[in-house]
Amino acid sequence: MKIEYLLHAENQLKERQISKKLIEKILSKPDQVVDARFNRKIAQKVMLEGKFKFLYRVIYIVSESKTVVITAYKTRNIKKYWVEK
């Protein structure tokens, strides 16, 4: 599936030093996908960096022909966002 990035996402990824390659990895194999407002989805993946765990969150919209990334960020506050099933 084709992945497009909003200009806002491009700027945020650059500022937050998150690569598009990592975004594609998270979207292809997320640990969890959560429904969000406005028909958005959030792909979440926990990753170990050094001695710390981070939760990466990619907010996106899926259409018939593409996935549009709205923004992405990482946080150490995993409990706040992780949805227990």
N, C-alpha and C. Protein backbone atom coordinates (compact mmCIF):
# COMPACT_ATOMS: atom_id res chain seq x y z
N MET A 1 0.84 -1.18 0.00
CA MET A 1 0.00 0.00 0.00
C MET A 1 0.89 1.25 0.00
N LYS A 2 0.46 2.24 -0.70
CA LYS A 2 1.20 3.49 -0.82
C LYS A 2 1.06 4.29 0.48
N ILE A 3 2.17 4.87 0.94
CA ILE A 3 2.16 5.71 2.14
C ILE A 3 2.50 7.14 1.74
N GLU A 4 1.64 8.08 2.15
CA GLU A 4 1.88 9.49 1.92
C GLU A 4 1.98 10.18 3.28
N TYR A 5 2.69 11.29 3.31
CA TYR A 5 2.91 12.04 4.54
C TYR A 5 2.39 13.46 4.35
N LEU A 6 1.55 13.92 5.28
CA LEU A 6 1.16 15.32 5.27
C LEU A 6 2.40 16.17 5.55
N LEU A 7 2.38 17.41 5.12
CA LEU A 7 3.50 18.31 5.38
C LEU A 7 3.76 18.40 6.89
N HIS A 8 2.69 18.46 7.67
CA HIS A 8 2.83 18.49 9.13
C HIS A 8 3.61 17.27 9.62
N ALA A 9 3.28 16.10 9.09
CA ALA A 9 3.97 14.87 9.49
C ALA A 9 5.44 14.94 9.10
N GLU A 10 5.72 15.40 7.90
CA GLU A 10 7.11 15.53 7.43
C GLU A 10 7.91 16.39 8.40
N ASN A 11 7.33 17.54 8.78
CA ASN A 11 8.02 18.45 9.69
C ASN A 11 8.21 17.84 11.07
N GLN A 12 7.17 17.17 11.57
CA GLN A 12 7.26 16.56 12.90
C GLN A 12 8.28 15.42 12.93
N LEU A 13 8.31 14.61 11.89
CA LEU A 13 9.28 13.51 11.83
C LEU A 13 10.71 14.05 11.84
N LYS A 14 10.94 15.09 11.08
CA LYS A 14 12.27 15.70 11.04
C LYS A 14 12.64 16.26 12.41
N GLU A 15 11.72 17.01 13.01
CA GLU A 15 11.97 17.61 14.32
C GLU A 15 12.21 16.55 15.40
N ARG A 16 11.46 15.46 15.32
CA ARG A 16 11.54 14.41 16.34
C ARG A 16 12.55 13.32 15.99
N GLN A 17 13.23 13.49 14.88
CA GLN A 17 14.26 12.56 14.42
C GLN A 17 13.73 11.12 14.33
N ILE A 18 12.59 10.99 13.65
CA ILE A 18 11.99 9.69 13.39
C ILE A 18 12.03 9.48 11.87
N SER A 19 12.59 8.37 11.45
CA SER A 19 12.75 8.12 10.02
C SER A 19 11.47 7.56 9.39
N LYS A 20 11.33 7.80 8.10
CA LYS A 20 10.19 7.23 7.37
C LYS A 20 10.30 5.72 7.32
N LYS A 21 11.51 5.22 7.30
CA LYS A 21 11.71 3.77 7.31
C LYS A 21 11.13 3.15 8.58
N LEU A 22 11.34 3.83 9.71
CA LEU A 22 10.77 3.35 10.98
C LEU A 22 9.25 3.44 10.96
N ILE A 23 8.71 4.51 10.41
CA ILE A 23 7.25 4.66 10.29
C ILE A 23 6.67 3.51 9.48
N GLU A 24 7.32 3.19 8.36
CA GLU A 24 6.85 2.09 7.52
C GLU A 24 6.91 0.77 8.26
N LYS A 25 7.94 0.56 9.07
CA LYS A 25 8.06 -0.66 9.87
C LYS A 25 6.92 -0.75 10.88
N ILE A 26 6.63 0.36 11.54
CA ILE A 26 5.55 0.39 12.54
C ILE A 26 4.20 0.13 11.88
N LEU A 27 3.98 0.76 10.73
CA LEU A 27 2.70 0.56 10.03
C LEU A 27 2.55 -0.87 9.50
N SER A 28 3.64 -1.49 9.11
CA SER A 28 3.54 -2.85 8.56
C SER A 28 3.40 -3.91 9.64
N LYS A 29 3.98 -3.67 10.83
CA LYS A 29 3.89 -4.64 11.92
C LYS A 29 3.71 -3.94 13.26
N PRO A 30 2.56 -3.31 13.46
CA PRO A 30 2.33 -2.64 14.76
C PRO A 30 2.08 -3.67 15.86
N ASP A 31 2.39 -3.29 17.08
CA ASP A 31 2.04 -4.13 18.23
C ASP A 31 0.55 -4.00 18.52
N GLN A 32 -0.01 -2.84 18.17
CA GLN A 32 -1.41 -2.57 18.47
C GLN A 32 -1.90 -1.46 17.54
N VAL A 33 -3.16 -1.56 17.14
CA VAL A 33 -3.81 -0.49 16.36
C VAL A 33 -5.06 -0.07 17.13
N VAL A 34 -5.15 1.23 17.37
CA VAL A 34 -6.25 1.80 18.16
C VAL A 34 -7.06 2.73 17.26
N ASP A 35 -8.38 2.65 17.37
CA ASP A 35 -9.23 3.59 16.65
C ASP A 35 -9.19 4.94 17.34
N ALA A 36 -9.21 5.99 16.54
CA ALA A 36 -9.19 7.35 17.08
C ALA A 36 -10.31 8.17 16.45
N ARG A 37 -10.40 9.43 16.84
CA ARG A 37 -11.44 10.32 16.31
C ARG A 37 -11.23 10.58 14.82
N PHE A 38 -12.31 11.00 14.18
CA PHE A 38 -12.30 11.43 12.78
C PHE A 38 -11.82 10.32 11.83
N ASN A 39 -12.19 9.08 12.12
CA ASN A 39 -11.82 7.91 11.31
C ASN A 39 -10.31 7.68 11.21
N ARG A 40 -9.59 8.17 12.17
CA ARG A 40 -8.14 7.97 12.20
C ARG A 40 -7.82 6.69 12.96
N LYS A 41 -6.64 6.19 12.72
CA LYS A 41 -6.13 5.04 13.44
C LYS A 41 -4.77 5.40 14.02
N ILE A 42 -4.38 4.68 15.06
CA ILE A 42 -3.08 4.90 15.67
C ILE A 42 -2.38 3.55 15.76
N ALA A 43 -1.26 3.44 15.03
CA ALA A 43 -0.43 2.25 15.11
C ALA A 43 0.57 2.47 16.24
N GLN A 44 0.67 1.49 17.13
CA GLN A 44 1.55 1.63 18.28
C GLN A 44 2.55 0.48 18.30
N LYS A 45 3.78 0.82 18.66
CA LYS A 45 4.83 -0.20 18.76
C LYS A 45 5.77 0.18 19.90
N VAL A 46 6.04 -0.78 20.78
CA VAL A 46 6.98 -0.59 21.88
C VAL A 46 8.35 -1.02 21.39
N MET A 47 9.33 -0.14 21.60
CA MET A 47 10.69 -0.45 21.16
C MET A 47 11.67 -0.09 22.27
N LEU A 48 12.73 -0.87 22.36
CA LEU A 48 13.77 -0.65 23.35
C LEU A 48 14.87 0.19 22.72
N GLU A 49 15.22 1.29 23.37
CA GLU A 49 16.32 2.15 22.93
C GLU A 49 17.24 2.33 24.12
N GLY A 50 18.41 1.72 24.03
CA GLY A 50 19.31 1.73 25.19
C GLY A 50 18.67 0.94 26.30
N LYS A 51 18.52 1.57 27.45
CA LYS A 51 17.89 0.87 28.57
C LYS A 51 16.44 1.30 28.80
N PHE A 52 15.88 2.08 27.87
CA PHE A 52 14.52 2.58 28.03
C PHE A 52 13.58 2.03 26.97
N LYS A 53 12.33 1.80 27.39
CA LYS A 53 11.28 1.42 26.45
C LYS A 53 10.53 2.67 26.01
N PHE A 54 10.28 2.75 24.72
CA PHE A 54 9.50 3.85 24.17
C PHE A 54 8.31 3.29 23.42
N LEU A 55 7.22 4.02 23.45
CA LEU A 55 6.05 3.70 22.65
C LEU A 55 6.02 4.67 21.47
N TYR A 56 6.09 4.12 20.28
CA TYR A 56 5.95 4.93 19.07
C TYR A 56 4.49 4.91 18.68
N ARG A 57 3.95 6.08 18.33
CA ARG A 57 2.56 6.21 17.93
C ARG A 57 2.51 6.90 16.57
N VAL A 58 1.89 6.26 15.61
CA VAL A 58 1.73 6.81 14.27
C VAL A 58 0.25 7.02 14.03
N ILE A 59 -0.14 8.27 13.84
CA ILE A 59 -1.55 8.60 13.59
C ILE A 59 -1.73 8.71 12.09
N TYR A 60 -2.73 7.99 11.57
CA TYR A 60 -2.90 7.92 10.12
C TYR A 60 -4.35 7.69 9.74
N ILE A 61 -4.61 7.87 8.44
CA ILE A 61 -5.92 7.60 7.85
C ILE A 61 -5.70 6.62 6.71
N VAL A 62 -6.60 5.65 6.58
CA VAL A 62 -6.51 4.68 5.49
C VAL A 62 -7.64 4.96 4.49
N SER A 63 -7.26 5.05 3.22
CA SER A 63 -8.27 5.14 2.17
C SER A 63 -8.13 3.90 1.30
N GLU A 64 -8.87 3.83 0.23
CA GLU A 64 -8.83 2.65 -0.63
C GLU A 64 -7.45 2.45 -1.26
N SER A 65 -6.77 3.53 -1.58
CA SER A 65 -5.53 3.41 -2.34
C SER A 65 -4.26 3.79 -1.58
N LYS A 66 -4.41 4.37 -0.38
CA LYS A 66 -3.20 4.82 0.30
C LYS A 66 -3.42 4.97 1.80
N THR A 67 -2.30 5.07 2.50
CA THR A 67 -2.28 5.39 3.92
C THR A 67 -1.66 6.77 4.04
N VAL A 68 -2.34 7.68 4.74
CA VAL A 68 -1.84 9.04 4.91
C VAL A 68 -1.42 9.22 6.36
N VAL A 69 -0.13 9.48 6.58
CA VAL A 69 0.40 9.70 7.92
C VAL A 69 0.16 11.15 8.30
N ILE A 70 -0.49 11.34 9.44
CA ILE A 70 -0.80 12.68 9.92
C ILE A 70 0.31 13.20 10.83
N THR A 71 0.76 12.35 11.74
CA THR A 71 1.88 12.69 12.61
C THR A 71 2.37 11.42 13.30
N ALA A 72 3.49 11.54 13.99
CA ALA A 72 4.04 10.42 14.74
C ALA A 72 4.92 10.98 15.85
N TYR A 73 4.99 10.22 16.92
CA TYR A 73 5.87 10.63 18.03
C TYR A 73 6.18 9.42 18.89
N LYS A 74 7.14 9.60 19.80
CA LYS A 74 7.45 8.55 20.75
C LYS A 74 7.32 9.10 22.16
N THR A 75 7.00 8.20 23.08
CA THR A 75 6.81 8.59 24.48
C THR A 75 7.28 7.45 25.38
N ARG A 76 7.68 7.80 26.59
CA ARG A 76 8.00 6.77 27.57
C ARG A 76 6.78 6.46 28.43
N ASN A 77 5.71 7.22 28.28
CA ASN A 77 4.50 7.03 29.08
C ASN A 77 3.60 5.99 28.40
N ILE A 78 4.05 4.76 28.39
CA ILE A 78 3.36 3.68 27.68
C ILE A 78 1.98 3.41 28.30
N LYS A 79 1.89 3.39 29.62
CA LYS A 79 0.63 3.08 30.29
C LYS A 79 -0.50 4.02 29.90
N LYS A 80 -0.17 5.26 29.60
CA LYS A 80 -1.19 6.25 29.26
C LYS A 80 -1.92 5.89 27.97
N TYR A 81 -1.22 5.31 27.02
CA TYR A 81 -1.77 5.09 25.69
C TYR A 81 -2.08 3.63 25.35
N TRP A 82 -1.46 2.70 26.06
CA TRP A 82 -1.63 1.29 25.72
C TRP A 82 -3.04 0.83 26.11
N VAL A 83 -3.70 0.15 25.20
CA VAL A 83 -5.05 -0.33 25.45
C VAL A 83 -4.99 -1.82 25.80
N GLU A 84 -5.35 -2.14 27.03
CA GLU A 84 -5.37 -3.55 27.45
C GLU A 84 -6.62 -4.20 26.88
N LYS A 85 -6.45 -5.39 26.35
CA LYS A 85 -7.58 -6.10 25.76
C LYS A 85 -8.00 -7.27 26.62
